[in-house]
Amino acid sequence: MANTIPPDPYVVDIETASCWASLNDRQRAHLEKLHAAAQAKDPSIKESAQRRCALQPATGKIIVIGMLNPATDTGVVLYEGRAPAQTIEGITWIGTTEADMLMRFWQIIKGHPIVTFNGFNFDAPMLVGRSMYKGIPPTQRIAPRWYERDRHLDIREELSCFGRMKAYDLAFTCDLFGVPSPKGEMDGSMVEAAYQAGEILKIAEYCLDDVEATASLLPHVARGMPFWTK
């Protein structure tokens, strides 16, 4: 098991949207029933059943995948749409289908570890789950056992000592380390509405901001990891 930052990683982030429109009546009724039961137990849940669909691979879809190689300062943003590859300042933007996004993702990261912020709990399960539903074989394991860092380093988990301490969101963490915060006009709670409004490029730009912010945290995490991982 690796004790430090894995070599030559890709920093990864995804954005998702609900598949509610493609679900049948029986599936929707089931989800509404589950949602009502969850709200009865926890009145603080304000999101609709439709919005919460975006957070599960069975009921949500990936609409953006952002990737950055900090060693070369180059990357790729894959987003839902139809647009040829266009490279701007080292970042290649491609509009395509979810299935093609996933195929490209697995080929790009093949042989590379990934770095995420909360990827153990969200990005990795969504990427693996959606690949299964689309019939796309992963090229490597990105949902490893806890404490394994050679394939997937989750900065949020590192900073919370894998749940022993309080975990904070990306914007809060960036402020703590004095790196530029990615949260501007959009945050995660606004993605579904932006998607329904057809603002996919705005969502893609937001995703890239999160990727770059996560990459900026890597040097800070690298300084501390050897002292608590050995």
C-alpha atoms as a PDB file:
ATOM      1  CA  MET A   1       0.000   0.000   0.000  1.00  0.00           C
ATOM      2  CA  ALA A   2       1.419   3.375  -1.030  1.00  0.00           C
ATOM      3  CA  ASN A   3       2.204   5.873   1.719  1.00  0.00           C
ATOM      4  CA  THR A   4       2.470   9.034  -0.344  1.00  0.00           C
ATOM      5  CA  ILE A   5       0.947  10.715  -3.394  1.00  0.00           C
ATOM      6  CA  PRO A   6       0.701   8.098  -6.170  1.00  0.00           C
ATOM      7  CA  PRO A   7       2.886   8.913  -9.203  1.00  0.00           C
ATOM      8  CA  ASP A   8       1.563  10.528 -12.400  1.00  0.00           C
ATOM      9  CA  PRO A   9      -2.094  10.798 -11.343  1.00  0.00           C
ATOM     10  CA  TYR A  10      -5.128  12.252 -13.067  1.00  0.00           C
ATOM     11  CA  VAL A  11      -7.312  14.538 -10.987  1.00  0.00           C
ATOM     12  CA  VAL A  12     -10.935  13.612 -11.710  1.00  0.00           C
ATOM     13  CA  ASP A  13     -14.355  15.115 -11.045  1.00  0.00           C
ATOM     14  CA  ILE A  14     -17.796  14.374 -12.470  1.00  0.00           C
ATOM     15  CA  GLU A  15     -21.192  16.050 -12.684  1.00  0.00           C
ATOM     16  CA  THR A  16     -24.429  14.107 -12.831  1.00  0.00           C
ATOM     17  CA  ALA A  17     -28.095  14.631 -13.648  1.00  0.00           C
ATOM     18  CA  SER A  18     -31.321  12.761 -12.963  1.00  0.00           C
ATOM     19  CA  CYS A  19     -32.630  10.033 -15.290  1.00  0.00           C
ATOM     20  CA  TRP A  20     -36.177  10.604 -14.010  1.00  0.00           C
ATOM     21  CA  ALA A  21     -37.597  11.184 -17.493  1.00  0.00           C
ATOM     22  CA  SER A  22     -36.457   7.746 -18.664  1.00  0.00           C
ATOM     23  CA  LEU A  23     -37.916   5.846 -15.690  1.00  0.00           C
ATOM     24  CA  ASN A  24     -41.251   4.054 -15.989  1.00  0.00           C
ATOM     25  CA  ASP A  25     -44.267   4.693 -13.747  1.00  0.00           C
ATOM     26  CA  ARG A  26     -43.516   1.734 -11.478  1.00  0.00           C
ATOM     27  CA  GLN A  27     -39.933   2.882 -10.925  1.00  0.00           C
ATOM     28  CA  ARG A  28     -41.029   6.440 -10.201  1.00  0.00           C
ATOM     29  CA  ALA A  29     -43.661   5.290  -7.708  1.00  0.00           C
ATOM     30  CA  HIS A  30     -41.071   3.157  -5.942  1.00  0.00           C
ATOM     31  CA  LEU A  31     -38.643   6.056  -5.688  1.00  0.00           C
ATOM     32  CA  GLU A  32     -41.351   8.405  -4.418  1.00  0.00           C
ATOM     33  CA  LYS A  33     -42.232   5.873  -1.720  1.00  0.00           C
ATOM     34  CA  LEU A  34     -38.603   5.566  -0.644  1.00  0.00           C
ATOM     35  CA  HIS A  35     -38.210   9.342  -0.679  1.00  0.00           C
ATOM     36  CA  ALA A  36     -41.299   9.871   1.480  1.00  0.00           C
ATOM     37  CA  ALA A  37     -39.995   7.339   4.016  1.00  0.00           C
ATOM     38  CA  ALA A  38     -36.605   9.064   4.099  1.00  0.00           C
ATOM     39  CA  GLN A  39     -38.207  12.476   4.653  1.00  0.00           C
ATOM     40  CA  ALA A  40     -40.340  11.049   7.481  1.00  0.00           C
ATOM     41  CA  LYS A  41     -37.161   9.953   9.236  1.00  0.00           C
ATOM     42  CA  ASP A  42     -35.206  13.100   8.380  1.00  0.00           C
ATOM     43  CA  PRO A  43     -37.336  16.250   7.836  1.00  0.00           C
ATOM     44  CA  SER A  44     -34.191  18.176   6.835  1.00  0.00           C
ATOM     45  CA  ILE A  45     -34.291  16.444   3.430  1.00  0.00           C
ATOM     46  CA  LYS A  46     -35.632  19.129   1.118  1.00  0.00           C
ATOM     47  CA  GLU A  47     -34.598  17.842  -2.300  1.00  0.00           C
ATOM     48  CA  SER A  48     -37.221  16.161  -4.461  1.00  0.00           C
ATOM     49  CA  ALA A  49     -37.096  12.474  -5.338  1.00  0.00           C
ATOM     50  CA  GLN A  50     -36.247  13.524  -8.902  1.00  0.00           C
ATOM     51  CA  ARG A  51     -33.259  15.600  -7.816  1.00  0.00           C
ATOM     52  CA  ARG A  52     -31.909  12.858  -5.569  1.00  0.00           C
ATOM     53  CA  CYS A  53     -31.945  10.465  -8.527  1.00  0.00           C
ATOM     54  CA  ALA A  54     -28.845  12.197  -9.847  1.00  0.00           C
ATOM     55  CA  LEU A  55     -26.806  10.877  -6.934  1.00  0.00           C
ATOM     56  CA  GLN A  56     -27.215   7.151  -7.691  1.00  0.00           C
ATOM     57  CA  PRO A  57     -25.853   5.207 -10.692  1.00  0.00           C
ATOM     58  CA  ALA A  58     -29.144   3.350 -11.201  1.00  0.00           C
ATOM     59  CA  THR A  59     -31.190   6.549 -11.494  1.00  0.00           C
ATOM     60  CA  GLY A  60     -28.672   9.208 -12.505  1.00  0.00           C
ATOM     61  CA  LYS A  61     -26.347   9.739 -15.442  1.00  0.00           C
ATOM     62  CA  ILE A  62     -22.940  11.304 -15.889  1.00  0.00           C
ATOM     63  CA  ILE A  63     -23.100  14.504 -17.907  1.00  0.00           C
ATOM     64  CA  VAL A  64     -19.528  15.793 -17.423  1.00  0.00           C
ATOM     65  CA  ILE A  65     -16.177  14.170 -16.672  1.00  0.00           C
ATOM     66  CA  GLY A  66     -13.237  16.465 -15.991  1.00  0.00           C
ATOM     67  CA  MET A  67      -9.645  15.176 -15.921  1.00  0.00           C
ATOM     68  CA  LEU A  68      -6.321  16.947 -15.382  1.00  0.00           C
ATOM     69  CA  ASN A  69      -2.765  15.620 -15.319  1.00  0.00           C
ATOM     70  CA  PRO A  70      -0.919  17.998 -12.942  1.00  0.00           C
ATOM     71  CA  ALA A  71       2.479  16.818 -14.220  1.00  0.00           C
ATOM     72  CA  THR A  72       1.785  18.072 -17.746  1.00  0.00           C
ATOM     73  CA  ASP A  73      -0.913  20.639 -16.912  1.00  0.00           C
ATOM     74  CA  THR A  74      -3.068  19.127 -19.643  1.00  0.00           C
ATOM     75  CA  GLY A  75      -6.476  17.553 -19.422  1.00  0.00           C
ATOM     76  CA  VAL A  76      -9.806  16.630 -20.954  1.00  0.00           C
ATOM     77  CA  VAL A  77     -13.369  17.741 -20.297  1.00  0.00           C
ATOM     78  CA  LEU A  78     -15.993  15.356 -21.668  1.00  0.00           C
ATOM     79  CA  TYR A  79     -19.550  16.653 -21.646  1.00  0.00           C
ATOM     80  CA  GLU A  80     -22.954  15.600 -22.923  1.00  0.00           C
ATOM     81  CA  GLY A  81     -23.504  16.991 -26.396  1.00  0.00           C
ATOM     82  CA  ARG A  82     -22.234  16.807 -29.947  1.00  0.00           C
ATOM     83  CA  ALA A  83     -19.087  18.845 -30.530  1.00  0.00           C
ATOM     84  CA  PRO A  84     -15.692  17.974 -32.056  1.00  0.00           C
ATOM     85  CA  ALA A  85     -12.554  18.064 -29.949  1.00  0.00           C
ATOM     86  CA  GLN A  86     -11.257  21.559 -29.283  1.00  0.00           C
ATOM     87  CA  THR A  87      -8.112  22.243 -27.245  1.00  0.00           C
ATOM     88  CA  ILE A  88      -7.841  25.506 -25.328  1.00  0.00           C
ATOM     89  CA  GLU A  89      -4.876  26.218 -23.045  1.00  0.00           C
ATOM     90  CA  GLY A  90      -4.006  22.544 -22.681  1.00  0.00           C
ATOM     91  CA  ILE A  91      -7.582  21.370 -22.018  1.00  0.00           C
ATOM     92  CA  THR A  92      -9.378  19.360 -24.709  1.00  0.00           C
ATOM     93  CA  TRP A  93     -13.164  19.778 -24.724  1.00  0.00           C
ATOM     94  CA  ILE A  94     -15.310  17.061 -26.323  1.00  0.00           C
ATOM     95  CA  GLY A  95     -19.104  16.909 -26.561  1.00  0.00           C
ATOM     96  CA  THR A  96     -20.330  13.347 -26.823  1.00  0.00           C
ATOM     97  CA  THR A  97     -22.621  10.660 -25.344  1.00  0.00           C
ATOM     98  CA  GLU A  98     -22.396   9.275 -21.821  1.00  0.00           C
ATOM     99  CA  ALA A  99     -21.253   5.885 -23.127  1.00  0.00           C
ATOM    100  CA  ASP A 100     -18.472   7.469 -25.174  1.00  0.00           C
ATOM    101  CA  MET A 101     -17.465   9.655 -22.193  1.00  0.00           C
ATOM    102  CA  LEU A 102     -17.044   6.539 -20.081  1.00  0.00           C
ATOM    103  CA  MET A 103     -15.052   4.679 -22.756  1.00  0.00           C
ATOM    104  CA  ARG A 104     -12.739   7.653 -23.181  1.00  0.00           C
ATOM    105  CA  PHE A 105     -12.384   8.047 -19.415  1.00  0.00           C
ATOM    106  CA  TRP A 106     -11.242   4.462 -18.901  1.00  0.00           C
ATOM    107  CA  GLN A 107      -8.764   4.694 -21.753  1.00  0.00           C
ATOM    108  CA  ILE A 108      -7.309   8.021 -20.597  1.00  0.00           C
ATOM    109  CA  ILE A 109      -6.714   6.928 -16.999  1.00  0.00           C
ATOM    110  CA  LYS A 110      -5.480   3.449 -17.922  1.00  0.00           C
ATOM    111  CA  GLY A 111      -2.278   2.884 -15.989  1.00  0.00           C
ATOM    112  CA  HIS A 112      -2.715   6.092 -13.969  1.00  0.00           C
ATOM    113  CA  PRO A 113      -3.965   6.484 -10.400  1.00  0.00           C
ATOM    114  CA  ILE A 114      -6.673   9.071  -9.844  1.00  0.00           C
ATOM    115  CA  VAL A 115      -7.048  11.870  -7.309  1.00  0.00           C
ATOM    116  CA  THR A 116     -10.486  13.131  -6.248  1.00  0.00           C
ATOM    117  CA  PHE A 117     -12.296  15.126  -3.608  1.00  0.00           C
ATOM    118  CA  ASN A 118     -14.965  12.823  -2.135  1.00  0.00           C
ATOM    119  CA  GLY A 119     -14.401  10.359  -4.959  1.00  0.00           C
ATOM    120  CA  PHE A 120     -14.491   7.308  -2.693  1.00  0.00           C
ATOM    121  CA  ASN A 121     -18.104   8.066  -1.818  1.00  0.00           C
ATOM    122  CA  PHE A 122     -19.404   9.502  -5.092  1.00  0.00           C
ATOM    123  CA  ASP A 123     -17.270   9.773  -8.238  1.00  0.00           C
ATOM    124  CA  ALA A 124     -15.830   6.249  -8.242  1.00  0.00           C
ATOM    125  CA  PRO A 125     -19.127   4.441  -7.487  1.00  0.00           C
ATOM    126  CA  MET A 126     -20.907   6.525 -10.139  1.00  0.00           C
ATOM    127  CA  LEU A 127     -18.236   5.899 -12.775  1.00  0.00           C
ATOM    128  CA  VAL A 128     -18.127   2.159 -12.102  1.00  0.00           C
ATOM    129  CA  GLY A 129     -21.906   1.846 -11.785  1.00  0.00           C
ATOM    130  CA  ARG A 130     -22.735   3.782 -14.928  1.00  0.00           C
ATOM    131  CA  SER A 131     -20.108   1.785 -16.832  1.00  0.00           C
ATOM    132  CA  MET A 132     -21.840  -1.427 -15.762  1.00  0.00           C
ATOM    133  CA  TYR A 133     -25.244  -0.163 -16.919  1.00  0.00           C
ATOM    134  CA  LYS A 134     -23.746   0.914 -20.249  1.00  0.00           C
ATOM    135  CA  GLY A 135     -21.838  -2.335 -20.756  1.00  0.00           C
ATOM    136  CA  ILE A 136     -18.431  -0.680 -20.695  1.00  0.00           C
ATOM    137  CA  PRO A 137     -15.603  -2.641 -19.016  1.00  0.00           C
ATOM    138  CA  PRO A 138     -13.358  -0.611 -16.684  1.00  0.00           C
ATOM    139  CA  THR A 139      -9.647  -0.723 -17.407  1.00  0.00           C
ATOM    140  CA  GLN A 140      -8.642  -0.721 -13.741  1.00  0.00           C
ATOM    141  CA  ARG A 141      -9.952  -0.613 -10.193  1.00  0.00           C
ATOM    142  CA  ILE A 142     -10.762   2.908  -8.948  1.00  0.00           C
ATOM    143  CA  ALA A 143     -13.019   1.941  -6.037  1.00  0.00           C
ATOM    144  CA  PRO A 144     -10.397   0.356  -3.784  1.00  0.00           C
ATOM    145  CA  ARG A 145     -10.537  -0.726  -0.182  1.00  0.00           C
ATOM    146  CA  TRP A 146     -10.273   2.004   2.434  1.00  0.00           C
ATOM    147  CA  TYR A 147      -6.715   3.273   3.038  1.00  0.00           C
ATOM    148  CA  GLU A 148      -5.460   2.111  -0.358  1.00  0.00           C
ATOM    149  CA  ARG A 149      -3.874   5.053  -2.132  1.00  0.00           C
ATOM    150  CA  ASP A 150      -1.974   3.482  -5.012  1.00  0.00           C
ATOM    151  CA  ARG A 151      -5.024   3.555  -7.321  1.00  0.00           C
ATOM    152  CA  HIS A 152      -7.184   6.304  -5.864  1.00  0.00           C
ATOM    153  CA  LEU A 153      -6.293   9.130  -3.483  1.00  0.00           C
ATOM    154  CA  ASP A 154      -9.343  10.901  -2.059  1.00  0.00           C
ATOM    155  CA  ILE A 155      -8.184  14.194  -0.558  1.00  0.00           C
ATOM    156  CA  ARG A 156     -11.364  14.664   1.470  1.00  0.00           C
ATOM    157  CA  GLU A 157     -10.899  11.273   3.106  1.00  0.00           C
ATOM    158  CA  GLU A 158      -7.228  11.983   3.811  1.00  0.00           C
ATOM    159  CA  LEU A 159      -7.996  15.282   5.514  1.00  0.00           C
ATOM    160  CA  SER A 160     -10.711  13.713   7.669  1.00  0.00           C
ATOM    161  CA  CYS A 161      -8.493  10.697   8.509  1.00  0.00           C
ATOM    162  CA  PHE A 162     -11.068   8.483   6.822  1.00  0.00           C
ATOM    163  CA  GLY A 163     -14.003   9.711   8.849  1.00  0.00           C
ATOM    164  CA  ARG A 164     -12.296  10.079  12.225  1.00  0.00           C
ATOM    165  CA  MET A 165     -12.480  13.868  11.983  1.00  0.00           C
ATOM    166  CA  LYS A 166     -14.945  16.313  10.431  1.00  0.00           C
ATOM    167  CA  ALA A 167     -14.961  16.382   6.619  1.00  0.00           C
ATOM    168  CA  TYR A 168     -15.525  19.732   4.885  1.00  0.00           C
ATOM    169  CA  ASP A 169     -16.495  20.593   1.326  1.00  0.00           C
ATOM    170  CA  LEU A 170     -14.091  21.625  -1.408  1.00  0.00           C
ATOM    171  CA  ALA A 171     -14.646  25.380  -1.154  1.00  0.00           C
ATOM    172  CA  PHE A 172     -14.135  25.387   2.618  1.00  0.00           C
ATOM    173  CA  THR A 173     -10.986  23.276   2.268  1.00  0.00           C
ATOM    174  CA  CYS A 174      -9.541  25.549  -0.419  1.00  0.00           C
ATOM    175  CA  ASP A 175     -10.057  28.528   1.888  1.00  0.00           C
ATOM    176  CA  LEU A 176      -8.236  26.688   4.689  1.00  0.00           C
ATOM    177  CA  PHE A 177      -5.170  26.164   2.499  1.00  0.00           C
ATOM    178  CA  GLY A 178      -5.326  29.560   0.822  1.00  0.00           C
ATOM    179  CA  VAL A 179      -5.834  28.233  -2.694  1.00  0.00           C
ATOM    180  CA  PRO A 180      -8.409  29.677  -5.109  1.00  0.00           C
ATOM    181  CA  SER A 181     -11.891  28.433  -4.320  1.00  0.00           C
ATOM    182  CA  PRO A 182     -13.860  26.923  -7.232  1.00  0.00           C
ATOM    183  CA  LYS A 183     -17.259  27.948  -5.969  1.00  0.00           C
ATOM    184  CA  GLY A 184     -18.489  31.011  -7.808  1.00  0.00           C
ATOM    185  CA  GLU A 185     -21.823  31.405  -9.556  1.00  0.00           C
ATOM    186  CA  MET A 186     -22.587  27.675  -9.361  1.00  0.00           C
ATOM    187  CA  ASP A 187     -22.450  24.940  -6.752  1.00  0.00           C
ATOM    188  CA  GLY A 188     -23.481  21.296  -6.774  1.00  0.00           C
ATOM    189  CA  SER A 189     -27.061  22.015  -5.759  1.00  0.00           C
ATOM    190  CA  MET A 190     -27.535  24.081  -8.927  1.00  0.00           C
ATOM    191  CA  VAL A 191     -26.333  21.513 -11.467  1.00  0.00           C
ATOM    192  CA  GLU A 192     -29.699  19.817 -12.067  1.00  0.00           C
ATOM    193  CA  ALA A 193     -31.488  23.114 -12.731  1.00  0.00           C
ATOM    194  CA  ALA A 194     -28.682  24.269 -15.012  1.00  0.00           C
ATOM    195  CA  TYR A 195     -28.853  20.985 -16.908  1.00  0.00           C
ATOM    196  CA  GLN A 196     -32.604  21.286 -17.376  1.00  0.00           C
ATOM    197  CA  ALA A 197     -32.000  24.827 -18.680  1.00  0.00           C
ATOM    198  CA  GLY A 198     -29.556  23.499 -21.290  1.00  0.00           C
ATOM    199  CA  GLU A 199     -26.469  25.073 -19.707  1.00  0.00           C
ATOM    200  CA  ILE A 200     -24.185  22.076 -20.180  1.00  0.00           C
ATOM    201  CA  LEU A 201     -21.107  24.166 -21.020  1.00  0.00           C
ATOM    202  CA  LYS A 202     -21.569  26.173 -17.824  1.00  0.00           C
ATOM    203  CA  ILE A 203     -21.677  22.892 -15.895  1.00  0.00           C
ATOM    204  CA  ALA A 204     -18.561  21.664 -17.724  1.00  0.00           C
ATOM    205  CA  GLU A 205     -16.673  24.822 -16.796  1.00  0.00           C
ATOM    206  CA  TYR A 206     -17.777  24.417 -13.189  1.00  0.00           C
ATOM    207  CA  CYS A 207     -16.495  20.826 -13.231  1.00  0.00           C
ATOM    208  CA  LEU A 208     -13.109  21.938 -14.567  1.00  0.00           C
ATOM    209  CA  ASP A 209     -12.890  24.573 -11.815  1.00  0.00           C
ATOM    210  CA  ASP A 210     -13.375  21.807  -9.237  1.00  0.00           C
ATOM    211  CA  VAL A 211     -10.705  19.670 -10.897  1.00  0.00           C
ATOM    212  CA  GLU A 212      -8.190  22.523 -10.883  1.00  0.00           C
ATOM    213  CA  ALA A 213      -8.980  23.346  -7.251  1.00  0.00           C
ATOM    214  CA  THR A 214      -8.480  19.712  -6.239  1.00  0.00           C
ATOM    215  CA  ALA A 215      -5.151  19.654  -8.086  1.00  0.00           C
ATOM    216  CA  SER A 216      -4.095  22.798  -6.194  1.00  0.00           C
ATOM    217  CA  LEU A 217      -4.617  20.946  -2.906  1.00  0.00           C
ATOM    218  CA  LEU A 218      -2.269  18.102  -3.835  1.00  0.00           C
ATOM    219  CA  PRO A 219       1.024  19.784  -2.754  1.00  0.00           C
ATOM    220  CA  HIS A 220      -0.481  20.609   0.644  1.00  0.00           C
ATOM    221  CA  VAL A 221      -1.688  17.045   1.159  1.00  0.00           C
ATOM    222  CA  ALA A 222       1.684  15.670   0.031  1.00  0.00           C
ATOM    223  CA  ARG A 223       3.479  17.548   2.822  1.00  0.00           C
ATOM    224  CA  GLY A 224       1.382  15.950   5.537  1.00  0.00           C
ATOM    225  CA  MET A 225       0.701  12.433   4.304  1.00  0.00           C
ATOM    226  CA  PRO A 226       4.061  10.809   5.164  1.00  0.00           C
ATOM    227  CA  PHE A 227       3.599  11.743   8.830  1.00  0.00           C
ATOM    228  CA  TRP A 228       0.258   9.990   9.338  1.00  0.00           C
ATOM    229  CA  THR A 229       0.488   7.151   6.816  1.00  0.00           C
ATOM    230  CA  LYS A 230       3.656   5.476   8.116  1.00  0.00           C
END
